[in-house]
Amino acid sequence: MATVKKKASRKKSSGASKKKQAADRRKALASKMRADLSATRQALRAANAAAREELKLVKAAARAEITVLKDQLAAVKKREQELMTLGEKKAKMMLAAGERWEKQQIAKIQRTIKKKRRKVSA
């Protein structure tokens, strides 16, 4: 006699469905994390580019300020040189005036001495 096999109703194993759910969730999480990573990279690139642009602007402003300060320094040096020249000229004039006054005083004293000698000998 042929043995009759029992047809057992096959239940879906709960373990297999949980594995599928876990795999789906892992895939979803990995996909979300990739998207987050991509967004973070783009944000970092944008921030890096903005920082570079700001650095360029700061360097340009610094160069402009250096140029202005150099111009001011050159003007101050020129003014100082002119003052030194003027001071030297004034000192020479004062020295010449002093020498003239000294000669005048010597001449005056000599005239006075000559007058006294004339009075004494006369």
PDB file of N, CA and C in Angstrom:
ATOM      1  N   MET A   1       0.812  -1.165   0.000  1.00  0.00           N
ATOM      2  CA  MET A   1       0.000   0.000   0.000  1.00  0.00           C
ATOM      3  C   MET A   1       0.862   1.237   0.000  1.00  0.00           C
ATOM      4  N   ALA A   2       0.401   2.129  -0.682  1.00  0.00           N
ATOM      5  CA  ALA A   2       1.186   3.356  -0.811  1.00  0.00           C
ATOM      6  C   ALA A   2       0.948   4.222   0.410  1.00  0.00           C
ATOM      7  N   THR A   3       1.988   4.766   0.839  1.00  0.00           N
ATOM      8  CA  THR A   3       1.834   5.632   2.005  1.00  0.00           C
ATOM      9  C   THR A   3       1.401   7.007   1.531  1.00  0.00           C
ATOM     10  N   VAL A   4       0.489   7.472   2.233  1.00  0.00           N
ATOM     11  CA  VAL A   4      -0.047   8.795   1.869  1.00  0.00           C
ATOM     12  C   VAL A   4       0.646   9.824   2.769  1.00  0.00           C
ATOM     13  N   LYS A   5       1.155  10.778   2.111  1.00  0.00           N
ATOM     14  CA  LYS A   5       1.826  11.818   2.876  1.00  0.00           C
ATOM     15  C   LYS A   5       0.799  12.804   3.349  1.00  0.00           C
ATOM     16  N   LYS A   6       1.034  13.239   4.529  1.00  0.00           N
ATOM     17  CA  LYS A   6       0.138  14.252   5.074  1.00  0.00           C
ATOM     18  C   LYS A   6       0.550  15.575   4.493  1.00  0.00           C
ATOM     19  N   LYS A   7      -0.416  16.292   4.096  1.00  0.00           N
ATOM     20  CA  LYS A   7      -0.101  17.638   3.623  1.00  0.00           C
ATOM     21  C   LYS A   7      -0.233  18.553   4.808  1.00  0.00           C
ATOM     22  N   ALA A   8       0.883  19.037   5.246  1.00  0.00           N
ATOM     23  CA  ALA A   8       0.855  19.935   6.398  1.00  0.00           C
ATOM     24  C   ALA A   8       0.754  21.359   5.867  1.00  0.00           C
ATOM     25  N   SER A   9      -0.026  22.101   6.547  1.00  0.00           N
ATOM     26  CA  SER A   9      -0.141  23.494   6.121  1.00  0.00           C
ATOM     27  C   SER A   9       1.162  24.202   6.477  1.00  0.00           C
ATOM     28  N   ARG A  10       1.690  24.868   5.532  1.00  0.00           N
ATOM     29  CA  ARG A  10       2.975  25.555   5.772  1.00  0.00           C
ATOM     30  C   ARG A  10       2.688  26.952   6.278  1.00  0.00           C
ATOM     31  N   LYS A  11       3.156  27.177   7.457  1.00  0.00           N
ATOM     32  CA  LYS A  11       3.038  28.514   8.019  1.00  0.00           C
ATOM     33  C   LYS A  11       4.305  29.271   7.634  1.00  0.00           C
ATOM     34  N   LYS A  12       4.113  30.511   7.432  1.00  0.00           N
ATOM     35  CA  LYS A  12       5.288  31.329   7.157  1.00  0.00           C
ATOM     36  C   LYS A  12       6.044  31.441   8.466  1.00  0.00           C
ATOM     37  N   SER A  13       7.302  31.208   8.369  1.00  0.00           N
ATOM     38  CA  SER A  13       8.109  31.259   9.574  1.00  0.00           C
ATOM     39  C   SER A  13       8.265  32.724   9.989  1.00  0.00           C
ATOM     40  N   SER A  14       8.047  32.982  11.232  1.00  0.00           N
ATOM     41  CA  SER A  14       8.158  34.362  11.708  1.00  0.00           C
ATOM     42  C   SER A  14       9.615  34.800  11.683  1.00  0.00           C
ATOM     43  N   GLY A  15      10.540  33.895  11.805  1.00  0.00           N
ATOM     44  CA  GLY A  15      11.963  34.229  11.766  1.00  0.00           C
ATOM     45  C   GLY A  15      12.350  34.773  10.400  1.00  0.00           C
ATOM     46  N   ALA A  16      11.849  34.191   9.357  1.00  0.00           N
ATOM     47  CA  ALA A  16      12.199  34.635   8.008  1.00  0.00           C
ATOM     48  C   ALA A  16      11.636  36.026   7.737  1.00  0.00           C
ATOM     49  N   SER A  17      10.398  36.291   8.190  1.00  0.00           N
ATOM     50  CA  SER A  17       9.817  37.617   7.941  1.00  0.00           C
ATOM     51  C   SER A  17      10.550  38.689   8.751  1.00  0.00           C
ATOM     52  N   LYS A  18      10.993  38.311   9.961  1.00  0.00           N
ATOM     53  CA  LYS A  18      11.744  39.277  10.770  1.00  0.00           C
ATOM     54  C   LYS A  18      13.100  39.569  10.151  1.00  0.00           C
ATOM     55  N   LYS A  19      13.725  38.551   9.548  1.00  0.00           N
ATOM     56  CA  LYS A  19      14.995  38.771   8.869  1.00  0.00           C
ATOM     57  C   LYS A  19      14.815  39.718   7.694  1.00  0.00           C
ATOM     58  N   LYS A  20      13.724  39.544   6.960  1.00  0.00           N
ATOM     59  CA  LYS A  20      13.457  40.416   5.813  1.00  0.00           C
ATOM     60  C   LYS A  20      13.210  41.847   6.289  1.00  0.00           C
ATOM     61  N   GLN A  21      12.464  41.987   7.359  1.00  0.00           N
ATOM     62  CA  GLN A  21      12.208  43.332   7.914  1.00  0.00           C
ATOM     63  C   GLN A  21      13.519  43.985   8.353  1.00  0.00           C
ATOM     64  N   ALA A  22      14.352  43.185   9.043  1.00  0.00           N
ATOM     65  CA  ALA A  22      15.624  43.720   9.513  1.00  0.00           C
ATOM     66  C   ALA A  22      16.501  44.132   8.328  1.00  0.00           C
ATOM     67  N   ALA A  23      16.527  43.320   7.289  1.00  0.00           N
ATOM     68  CA  ALA A  23      17.320  43.636   6.106  1.00  0.00           C
ATOM     69  C   ALA A  23      16.789  44.906   5.441  1.00  0.00           C
ATOM     70  N   ASP A  24      15.457  45.012   5.340  1.00  0.00           N
ATOM     71  CA  ASP A  24      14.856  46.212   4.742  1.00  0.00           C
ATOM     72  C   ASP A  24      15.190  47.458   5.564  1.00  0.00           C
ATOM     73  N   ARG A  25      15.106  47.311   6.876  1.00  0.00           N
ATOM     74  CA  ARG A  25      15.419  48.453   7.734  1.00  0.00           C
ATOM     75  C   ARG A  25      16.896  48.845   7.622  1.00  0.00           C
ATOM     76  N   ARG A  26      17.779  47.841   7.564  1.00  0.00           N
ATOM     77  CA  ARG A  26      19.212  48.137   7.384  1.00  0.00           C
ATOM     78  C   ARG A  26      19.453  48.872   6.074  1.00  0.00           C
ATOM     79  N   LYS A  27      18.782  48.394   5.015  1.00  0.00           N
ATOM     80  CA  LYS A  27      18.936  49.054   3.712  1.00  0.00           C
ATOM     81  C   LYS A  27      18.432  50.490   3.767  1.00  0.00           C
ATOM     82  N   ALA A  28      17.286  50.684   4.427  1.00  0.00           N
ATOM     83  CA  ALA A  28      16.727  52.035   4.545  1.00  0.00           C
ATOM     84  C   ALA A  28      17.654  52.932   5.359  1.00  0.00           C
ATOM     85  N   LEU A  29      18.180  52.393   6.464  1.00  0.00           N
ATOM     86  CA  LEU A  29      19.092  53.164   7.307  1.00  0.00           C
ATOM     87  C   LEU A  29      20.376  53.487   6.540  1.00  0.00           C
ATOM     88  N   ALA A  30      20.926  52.502   5.836  1.00  0.00           N
ATOM     89  CA  ALA A  30      22.146  52.734   5.054  1.00  0.00           C
ATOM     90  C   ALA A  30      21.889  53.787   3.983  1.00  0.00           C
ATOM     91  N   SER A  31      20.742  53.711   3.337  1.00  0.00           N
ATOM     92  CA  SER A  31      20.392  54.698   2.312  1.00  0.00           C
ATOM     93  C   SER A  31      20.283  56.094   2.920  1.00  0.00           C
ATOM     94  N   LYS A  32      19.641  56.182   4.088  1.00  0.00           N
ATOM     95  CA  LYS A  32      19.490  57.476   4.775  1.00  0.00           C
ATOM     96  C   LYS A  32      20.857  58.016   5.192  1.00  0.00           C
ATOM     97  N   MET A  33      21.710  57.114   5.699  1.00  0.00           N
ATOM     98  CA  MET A  33      23.036  57.542   6.134  1.00  0.00           C
ATOM     99  C   MET A  33      23.871  58.012   4.935  1.00  0.00           C
ATOM    100  N   ARG A  34      23.759  57.335   3.787  1.00  0.00           N
ATOM    101  CA  ARG A  34      24.466  57.777   2.582  1.00  0.00           C
ATOM    102  C   ARG A  34      23.992  59.159   2.158  1.00  0.00           C
ATOM    103  N   ALA A  35      22.673  59.370   2.221  1.00  0.00           N
ATOM    104  CA  ALA A  35      22.119  60.677   1.854  1.00  0.00           C
ATOM    105  C   ALA A  35      22.617  61.757   2.822  1.00  0.00           C
ATOM    106  N   ASP A  36      22.620  61.425   4.122  1.00  0.00           N
ATOM    107  CA  ASP A  36      23.128  62.378   5.114  1.00  0.00           C
ATOM    108  C   ASP A  36      24.613  62.688   4.882  1.00  0.00           C
ATOM    109  N   LEU A  37      25.371  61.641   4.593  1.00  0.00           N
ATOM    110  CA  LEU A  37      26.798  61.814   4.331  1.00  0.00           C
ATOM    111  C   LEU A  37      27.009  62.696   3.102  1.00  0.00           C
ATOM    112  N   SER A  38      26.235  62.446   2.076  1.00  0.00           N
ATOM    113  CA  SER A  38      26.337  63.243   0.854  1.00  0.00           C
ATOM    114  C   SER A  38      25.986  64.707   1.140  1.00  0.00           C
ATOM    115  N   ALA A  39      24.919  64.918   1.910  1.00  0.00           N
ATOM    116  CA  ALA A  39      24.525  66.290   2.260  1.00  0.00           C
ATOM    117  C   ALA A  39      25.600  66.965   3.104  1.00  0.00           C
ATOM    118  N   THR A  40      26.196  66.209   4.029  1.00  0.00           N
ATOM    119  CA  THR A  40      27.262  66.760   4.869  1.00  0.00           C
ATOM    120  C   THR A  40      28.470  67.125   4.024  1.00  0.00           C
ATOM    121  N   ARG A  41      28.840  66.268   3.090  1.00  0.00           N
ATOM    122  CA  ARG A  41      29.973  66.566   2.204  1.00  0.00           C
ATOM    123  C   ARG A  41      29.704  67.840   1.392  1.00  0.00           C
ATOM    124  N   GLN A  42      28.490  67.934   0.858  1.00  0.00           N
ATOM    125  CA  GLN A  42      28.155  69.131   0.082  1.00  0.00           C
ATOM    126  C   GLN A  42      28.202  70.384   0.956  1.00  0.00           C
ATOM    127  N   ALA A  43      27.705  70.275   2.185  1.00  0.00           N
ATOM    128  CA  ALA A  43      27.737  71.422   3.095  1.00  0.00           C
ATOM    129  C   ALA A  43      29.177  71.806   3.417  1.00  0.00           C
ATOM    130  N   LEU A  44      30.030  70.805   3.646  1.00  0.00           N
ATOM    131  CA  LEU A  44      31.433  71.083   3.922  1.00  0.00           C
ATOM    132  C   LEU A  44      32.124  71.722   2.718  1.00  0.00           C
ATOM    133  N   ARG A  45      31.820  71.229   1.527  1.00  0.00           N
ATOM    134  CA  ARG A  45      32.402  71.831   0.322  1.00  0.00           C
ATOM    135  C   ARG A  45      31.968  73.285   0.178  1.00  0.00           C
ATOM    136  N   ALA A  46      30.676  73.535   0.430  1.00  0.00           N
ATOM    137  CA  ALA A  46      30.166  74.909   0.330  1.00  0.00           C
ATOM    138  C   ALA A  46      30.826  75.804   1.381  1.00  0.00           C
ATOM    139  N   ALA A  47      30.959  75.288   2.615  1.00  0.00           N
ATOM    140  CA  ALA A  47      31.599  76.060   3.675  1.00  0.00           C
ATOM    141  C   ALA A  47      33.069  76.324   3.346  1.00  0.00           C
ATOM    142  N   ASN A  48      33.736  75.326   2.793  1.00  0.00           N
ATOM    143  CA  ASN A  48      35.134  75.468   2.403  1.00  0.00           C
ATOM    144  C   ASN A  48      35.278  76.526   1.310  1.00  0.00           C
ATOM    145  N   ALA A  49      34.400  76.485   0.325  1.00  0.00           N
ATOM    146  CA  ALA A  49      34.439  77.473  -0.756  1.00  0.00           C
ATOM    147  C   ALA A  49      34.166  78.874  -0.211  1.00  0.00           C
ATOM    148  N   ALA A  50      33.200  78.986   0.690  1.00  0.00           N
ATOM    149  CA  ALA A  50      32.885  80.292   1.281  1.00  0.00           C
ATOM    150  C   ALA A  50      34.071  80.803   2.092  1.00  0.00           C
ATOM    151  N   ALA A  51      34.716  79.919   2.821  1.00  0.00           N
ATOM    152  CA  ALA A  51      35.883  80.314   3.615  1.00  0.00           C
ATOM    153  C   ALA A  51      37.015  80.784   2.706  1.00  0.00           C
ATOM    154  N   ARG A  52      37.211  80.102   1.584  1.00  0.00           N
ATOM    155  CA  ARG A  52      38.246  80.524   0.638  1.00  0.00           C
ATOM    156  C   ARG A  52      37.947  81.917   0.082  1.00  0.00           C
ATOM    157  N   GLU A  53      36.698  82.142  -0.287  1.00  0.00           N
ATOM    158  CA  GLU A  53      36.302  83.456  -0.817  1.00  0.00           C
ATOM    159  C   GLU A  53      36.509  84.542   0.242  1.00  0.00           C
ATOM    160  N   GLU A  54      36.122  84.229   1.477  1.00  0.00           N
ATOM    161  CA  GLU A  54      36.288  85.212   2.552  1.00  0.00           C
ATOM    162  C   GLU A  54      37.772  85.484   2.792  1.00  0.00           C
ATOM    163  N   LEU A  55      38.582  84.450   2.730  1.00  0.00           N
ATOM    164  CA  LEU A  55      40.017  84.616   2.896  1.00  0.00           C
ATOM    165  C   LEU A  55      40.594  85.491   1.788  1.00  0.00           C
ATOM    166  N   LYS A  56      40.111  85.294   0.556  1.00  0.00           N
ATOM    167  CA  LYS A  56      40.564  86.139  -0.554  1.00  0.00           C
ATOM    168  C   LYS A  56      40.212  87.593  -0.295  1.00  0.00           C
ATOM    169  N   LEU A  57      38.988  87.823   0.187  1.00  0.00           N
ATOM    170  CA  LEU A  57      38.563  89.196   0.477  1.00  0.00           C
ATOM    171  C   LEU A  57      39.405  89.807   1.593  1.00  0.00           C
ATOM    172  N   VAL A  58      39.680  89.015   2.624  1.00  0.00           N
ATOM    173  CA  VAL A  58      40.489  89.516   3.747  1.00  0.00           C
ATOM    174  C   VAL A  58      41.897  89.852   3.258  1.00  0.00           C
ATOM    175  N   LYS A  59      42.473  88.992   2.410  1.00  0.00           N
ATOM    176  CA  LYS A  59      43.811  89.251   1.885  1.00  0.00           C
ATOM    177  C   LYS A  59      43.819  90.520   1.039  1.00  0.00           C
ATOM    178  N   ALA A  60      42.784  90.689   0.214  1.00  0.00           N
ATOM    179  CA  ALA A  60      42.707  91.890  -0.619  1.00  0.00           C
ATOM    180  C   ALA A  60      42.591  93.138   0.250  1.00  0.00           C
ATOM    181  N   ALA A  61      41.779  93.074   1.296  1.00  0.00           N
ATOM    182  CA  ALA A  61      41.630  94.215   2.200  1.00  0.00           C
ATOM    183  C   ALA A  61      42.955  94.507   2.902  1.00  0.00           C
ATOM    184  N   ALA A  62      43.665  93.459   3.300  1.00  0.00           N
ATOM    185  CA  ALA A  62      44.955  93.644   3.971  1.00  0.00           C
ATOM    186  C   ALA A  62      45.962  94.283   3.018  1.00  0.00           C
ATOM    187  N   ARG A  63      45.969  93.834   1.755  1.00  0.00           N
ATOM    188  CA  ARG A  63      46.879  94.428   0.775  1.00  0.00           C
ATOM    189  C   ARG A  63      46.555  95.905   0.572  1.00  0.00           C
ATOM    190  N   ALA A  64      45.263  96.220   0.497  1.00  0.00           N
ATOM    191  CA  ALA A  64      44.866  97.620   0.323  1.00  0.00           C
ATOM    192  C   ALA A  64      45.304  98.459   1.513  1.00  0.00           C
ATOM    193  N   GLU A  65      45.132  97.919   2.704  1.00  0.00           N
ATOM    194  CA  GLU A  65      45.543  98.656   3.909  1.00  0.00           C
ATOM    195  C   GLU A  65      47.059  98.835   3.945  1.00  0.00           C
ATOM    196  N   ILE A  66      47.784  97.812   3.536  1.00  0.00           N
ATOM    197  CA  ILE A  66      49.245  97.911   3.488  1.00  0.00           C
ATOM    198  C   ILE A  66      49.657  99.013   2.519  1.00  0.00           C
ATOM    199  N   THR A  67      48.986  99.068   1.378  1.00  0.00           N
ATOM    200  CA  THR A  67      49.295 100.112   0.397  1.00  0.00           C
ATOM    201  C   THR A  67      49.047 101.497   0.974  1.00  0.00           C
ATOM    202  N   VAL A  68      47.921 101.645   1.662  1.00  0.00           N
ATOM    203  CA  VAL A  68      47.592 102.939   2.271  1.00  0.00           C
ATOM    204  C   VAL A  68      48.641 103.304   3.320  1.00  0.00           C
ATOM    205  N   LEU A  69      49.005 102.349   4.165  1.00  0.00           N
ATOM    206  CA  LEU A  69      49.998 102.611   5.211  1.00  0.00           C
ATOM    207  C   LEU A  69      51.365 102.943   4.616  1.00  0.00           C
ATOM    208  N   LYS A  70      51.732 102.272   3.526  1.00  0.00           N
ATOM    209  CA  LYS A  70      53.003 102.578   2.873  1.00  0.00           C
ATOM    210  C   LYS A  70      52.987 103.997   2.319  1.00  0.00           C
ATOM    211  N   ASP A  71      51.858 104.378   1.718  1.00  0.00           N
ATOM    212  CA  ASP A  71      51.741 105.747   1.199  1.00  0.00           C
ATOM    213  C   ASP A  71      51.854 106.760   2.329  1.00  0.00           C
ATOM    214  N   GLN A  72      51.174 106.485   3.436  1.00  0.00           N
ATOM    215  CA  GLN A  72      51.245 107.394   4.582  1.00  0.00           C
ATOM    216  C   GLN A  72      52.666 107.480   5.123  1.00  0.00           C
ATOM    217  N   LEU A  73      53.338 106.344   5.192  1.00  0.00           N
ATOM    218  CA  LEU A  73      54.718 106.321   5.681  1.00  0.00           C
ATOM    219  C   LEU A  73      55.625 107.136   4.760  1.00  0.00           C
ATOM    220  N   ALA A  74      55.434 106.990   3.456  1.00  0.00           N
ATOM    221  CA  ALA A  74      56.249 107.756   2.511  1.00  0.00           C
ATOM    222  C   ALA A  74      55.995 109.254   2.678  1.00  0.00           C
ATOM    223  N   ALA A  75      54.722 109.625   2.875  1.00  0.00           N
ATOM    224  CA  ALA A  75      54.403 111.045   3.077  1.00  0.00           C
ATOM    225  C   ALA A  75      55.038 111.569   4.358  1.00  0.00           C
ATOM    226  N   VAL A  76      55.002 110.768   5.414  1.00  0.00           N
ATOM    227  CA  VAL A  76      55.600 111.184   6.692  1.00  0.00           C
ATOM    228  C   VAL A  76      57.119 111.324   6.534  1.00  0.00           C
ATOM    229  N   LYS A  77      57.739 110.378   5.842  1.00  0.00           N
ATOM    230  CA  LYS A  77      59.188 110.454   5.633  1.00  0.00           C
ATOM    231  C   LYS A  77      59.545 111.715   4.846  1.00  0.00           C
ATOM    232  N   LYS A  78      58.759 111.992   3.814  1.00  0.00           N
ATOM    233  CA  LYS A  78      59.014 113.180   2.998  1.00  0.00           C
ATOM    234  C   LYS A  78      58.867 114.446   3.843  1.00  0.00           C
ATOM    235  N   ARG A  79      57.802 114.509   4.644  1.00  0.00           N
ATOM    236  CA  ARG A  79      57.571 115.675   5.506  1.00  0.00           C
ATOM    237  C   ARG A  79      58.712 115.826   6.522  1.00  0.00           C
ATOM    238  N   GLU A  80      59.148 114.706   7.085  1.00  0.00           N
ATOM    239  CA  GLU A  80      60.244 114.740   8.055  1.00  0.00           C
ATOM    240  C   GLU A  80      61.530 115.233   7.385  1.00  0.00           C
ATOM    241  N   GLN A  81      61.782 114.781   6.161  1.00  0.00           N
ATOM    242  CA  GLN A  81      62.972 115.222   5.434  1.00  0.00           C
ATOM    243  C   GLN A  81      62.908 116.719   5.170  1.00  0.00           C
ATOM    244  N   GLU A  82      61.728 117.215   4.789  1.00  0.00           N
ATOM    245  CA  GLU A  82      61.564 118.649   4.560  1.00  0.00           C
ATOM    246  C   GLU A  82      61.780 119.434   5.846  1.00  0.00           C
ATOM    247  N   LEU A  83      61.276 118.915   6.954  1.00  0.00           N
ATOM    248  CA  LEU A  83      61.486 119.585   8.244  1.00  0.00           C
ATOM    249  C   LEU A  83      62.956 119.604   8.623  1.00  0.00           C
ATOM    250  N   MET A  84      63.647 118.495   8.359  1.00  0.00           N
ATOM    251  CA  MET A  84      65.084 118.446   8.653  1.00  0.00           C
ATOM    252  C   MET A  84      65.823 119.482   7.808  1.00  0.00           C
ATOM    253  N   THR A  85      65.480 119.558   6.533  1.00  0.00           N
ATOM    254  CA  THR A  85      66.122 120.539   5.649  1.00  0.00           C
ATOM    255  C   THR A  85      65.844 121.953   6.135  1.00  0.00           C
ATOM    256  N   LEU A  86      64.590 122.206   6.496  1.00  0.00           N
ATOM    257  CA  LEU A  86      64.209 123.528   6.996  1.00  0.00           C
ATOM    258  C   LEU A  86      64.951 123.848   8.293  1.00  0.00           C
ATOM    259  N   GLY A  87      65.067 122.866   9.174  1.00  0.00           N
ATOM    260  CA  GLY A  87      65.790 123.052  10.434  1.00  0.00           C
ATOM    261  C   GLY A  87      67.261 123.367  10.194  1.00  0.00           C
ATOM    262  N   GLU A  88      67.864 122.637   9.262  1.00  0.00           N
ATOM    263  CA  GLU A  88      69.269 122.882   8.944  1.00  0.00           C
ATOM    264  C   GLU A  88      69.450 124.283   8.362  1.00  0.00           C
ATOM    265  N   LYS A  89      68.544 124.675   7.494  1.00  0.00           N
ATOM    266  CA  LYS A  89      68.610 126.005   6.878  1.00  0.00           C
ATOM    267  C   LYS A  89      68.483 127.089   7.956  1.00  0.00           C
ATOM    268  N   LYS A  90      67.541 126.868   8.880  1.00  0.00           N
ATOM    269  CA  LYS A  90      67.335 127.833   9.965  1.00  0.00           C
ATOM    270  C   LYS A  90      68.569 127.906  10.862  1.00  0.00           C
ATOM    271  N   ALA A  91      69.166 126.759  11.139  1.00  0.00           N
ATOM    272  CA  ALA A  91      70.371 126.724  11.979  1.00  0.00           C
ATOM    273  C   ALA A  91      71.517 127.479  11.300  1.00  0.00           C
ATOM    274  N   LYS A  92      71.661 127.287   9.974  1.00  0.00           N
ATOM    275  CA  LYS A  92      72.707 128.004   9.244  1.00  0.00           C
ATOM    276  C   LYS A  92      72.464 129.506   9.290  1.00  0.00           C
ATOM    277  N   MET A  93      71.190 129.898   9.131  1.00  0.00           N
ATOM    278  CA  MET A  93      70.868 131.326   9.177  1.00  0.00           C
ATOM    279  C   MET A  93      71.170 131.910  10.557  1.00  0.00           C
ATOM    280  N   MET A  94      70.818 131.144  11.603  1.00  0.00           N
ATOM    281  CA  MET A  94      71.088 131.613  12.966  1.00  0.00           C
ATOM    282  C   MET A  94      72.595 131.724  13.207  1.00  0.00           C
ATOM    283  N   LEU A  95      73.354 130.766  12.710  1.00  0.00           N
ATOM    284  CA  LEU A  95      74.805 130.796  12.861  1.00  0.00           C
ATOM    285  C   LEU A  95      75.388 132.018  12.139  1.00  0.00           C
ATOM    286  N   ALA A  96      74.905 132.269  10.925  1.00  0.00           N
ATOM    287  CA  ALA A  96      75.395 133.428  10.165  1.00  0.00           C
ATOM    288  C   ALA A  96      75.027 134.724  10.889  1.00  0.00           C
ATOM    289  N   ALA A  97      73.807 134.791  11.414  1.00  0.00           N
ATOM    290  CA  ALA A  97      73.391 135.994  12.141  1.00  0.00           C
ATOM    291  C   ALA A  97      74.240 136.161  13.395  1.00  0.00           C
ATOM    292  N   GLY A  98      74.550 135.087  14.078  1.00  0.00           N
ATOM    293  CA  GLY A  98      75.408 135.134  15.271  1.00  0.00           C
ATOM    294  C   GLY A  98      76.805 135.614  14.924  1.00  0.00           C
ATOM    295  N   GLU A  99      77.321 135.112  13.818  1.00  0.00           N
ATOM    296  CA  GLU A  99      78.664 135.542  13.394  1.00  0.00           C
ATOM    297  C   GLU A  99      78.669 137.023  13.027  1.00  0.00           C
ATOM    298  N   ARG A 100      77.630 137.497  12.331  1.00  0.00           N
ATOM    299  CA  ARG A 100      77.532 138.920  11.998  1.00  0.00           C
ATOM    300  C   ARG A 100      77.470 139.774  13.261  1.00  0.00           C
ATOM    301  N   TRP A 101      76.647 139.346  14.218  1.00  0.00           N
ATOM    302  CA  TRP A 101      76.510 140.100  15.477  1.00  0.00           C
ATOM    303  C   TRP A 101      77.855 140.144  16.211  1.00  0.00           C
ATOM    304  N   GLU A 102      78.542 138.981  16.216  1.00  0.00           N
ATOM    305  CA  GLU A 102      79.844 138.905  16.882  1.00  0.00           C
ATOM    306  C   GLU A 102      80.838 139.862  16.221  1.00  0.00           C
ATOM    307  N   LYS A 103      80.863 139.896  14.882  1.00  0.00           N
ATOM    308  CA  LYS A 103      81.762 140.811  14.168  1.00  0.00           C
ATOM    309  C   LYS A 103      81.424 142.261  14.485  1.00  0.00           C
ATOM    310  N   GLN A 104      80.105 142.538  14.537  1.00  0.00           N
ATOM    311  CA  GLN A 104      79.680 143.906  14.865  1.00  0.00           C
ATOM    312  C   GLN A 104      80.126 144.295  16.268  1.00  0.00           C
ATOM    313  N   GLN A 105      79.985 143.376  17.194  1.00  0.00           N
ATOM    314  CA  GLN A 105      80.394 143.668  18.581  1.00  0.00           C
ATOM    315  C   GLN A 105      81.903 143.878  18.661  1.00  0.00           C
ATOM    316  N   ILE A 106      82.655 143.049  17.951  1.00  0.00           N
ATOM    317  CA  ILE A 106      84.118 143.200  17.952  1.00  0.00           C
ATOM    318  C   ILE A 106      84.494 144.549  17.343  1.00  0.00           C
ATOM    319  N   ALA A 107      83.829 144.888  16.240  1.00  0.00           N
ATOM    320  CA  ALA A 107      84.118 146.181  15.596  1.00  0.00           C
ATOM    321  C   ALA A 107      83.763 147.326  16.533  1.00  0.00           C
ATOM    322  N   LYS A 108      82.684 147.214  17.236  1.00  0.00           N
ATOM    323  CA  LYS A 108      82.254 148.253  18.191  1.00  0.00           C
ATOM    324  C   LYS A 108      83.285 148.415  19.310  1.00  0.00           C
ATOM    325  N   ILE A 109      83.711 147.257  19.822  1.00  0.00           N
ATOM    326  CA  ILE A 109      84.713 147.303  20.903  1.00  0.00           C
ATOM    327  C   ILE A 109      86.003 147.926  20.384  1.00  0.00           C
ATOM    328  N   GLN A 110      86.414 147.554  19.200  1.00  0.00           N
ATOM    329  CA  GLN A 110      87.649 148.105  18.633  1.00  0.00           C
ATOM    330  C   GLN A 110      87.525 149.611  18.418  1.00  0.00           C
ATOM    331  N   ARG A 111      86.371 150.091  17.963  1.00  0.00           N
ATOM    332  CA  ARG A 111      86.166 151.532  17.794  1.00  0.00           C
ATOM    333  C   ARG A 111      86.246 152.255  19.128  1.00  0.00           C
ATOM    334  N   THR A 112      85.642 151.628  20.133  1.00  0.00           N
ATOM    335  CA  THR A 112      85.663 152.241  21.461  1.00  0.00           C
ATOM    336  C   THR A 112      87.101 152.331  21.970  1.00  0.00           C
ATOM    337  N   ILE A 113      87.877 151.267  21.760  1.00  0.00           N
ATOM    338  CA  ILE A 113      89.270 151.251  22.207  1.00  0.00           C
ATOM    339  C   ILE A 113      90.069 152.332  21.476  1.00  0.00           C
ATOM    340  N   LYS A 114      89.845 152.482  20.174  1.00  0.00           N
ATOM    341  CA  LYS A 114      90.571 153.495  19.406  1.00  0.00           C
ATOM    342  C   LYS A 114      90.236 154.887  19.899  1.00  0.00           C
ATOM    343  N   LYS A 115      88.972 155.153  20.225  1.00  0.00           N
ATOM    344  CA  LYS A 115      88.565 156.467  20.731  1.00  0.00           C
ATOM    345  C   LYS A 115      89.246 156.757  22.050  1.00  0.00           C
ATOM    346  N   LYS A 116      89.331 155.741  22.918  1.00  0.00           N
ATOM    347  CA  LYS A 116      89.958 155.941  24.233  1.00  0.00           C
ATOM    348  C   LYS A 116      91.443 156.208  24.061  1.00  0.00           C
ATOM    349  N   ARG A 117      92.093 155.532  23.155  1.00  0.00           N
ATOM    350  CA  ARG A 117      93.527 155.734  22.916  1.00  0.00           C
ATOM    351  C   ARG A 117      93.772 157.146  22.403  1.00  0.00           C
ATOM    352  N   ARG A 118      92.882 157.642  21.566  1.00  0.00           N
ATOM    353  CA  ARG A 118      93.056 159.002  21.038  1.00  0.00           C
ATOM    354  C   ARG A 118      92.931 160.014  22.162  1.00  0.00           C
ATOM    355  N   LYS A 119      91.953 159.774  23.047  1.00  0.00           N
ATOM    356  CA  LYS A 119      91.757 160.712  24.153  1.00  0.00           C
ATOM    357  C   LYS A 119      92.950 160.688  25.086  1.00  0.00           C
ATOM    358  N   VAL A 120      93.502 159.516  25.337  1.00  0.00           N
ATOM    359  CA  VAL A 120      94.622 159.387  26.256  1.00  0.00           C
ATOM    360  C   VAL A 120      95.867 160.005  25.632  1.00  0.00           C
ATOM    361  N   SER A 121      96.137 159.790  24.398  1.00  0.00           N
ATOM    362  CA  SER A 121      97.348 160.335  23.780  1.00  0.00           C
ATOM    363  C   SER A 121      97.195 161.823  23.463  1.00  0.00           C
ATOM    364  N   ALA A 122      96.040 162.338  23.364  1.00  0.00           N
ATOM    365  CA  ALA A 122      95.890 163.750  23.032  1.00  0.00           C
ATOM    366  C   ALA A 122      95.996 164.625  24.198  1.00  0.00           C
TER     367      ALA A 122
END
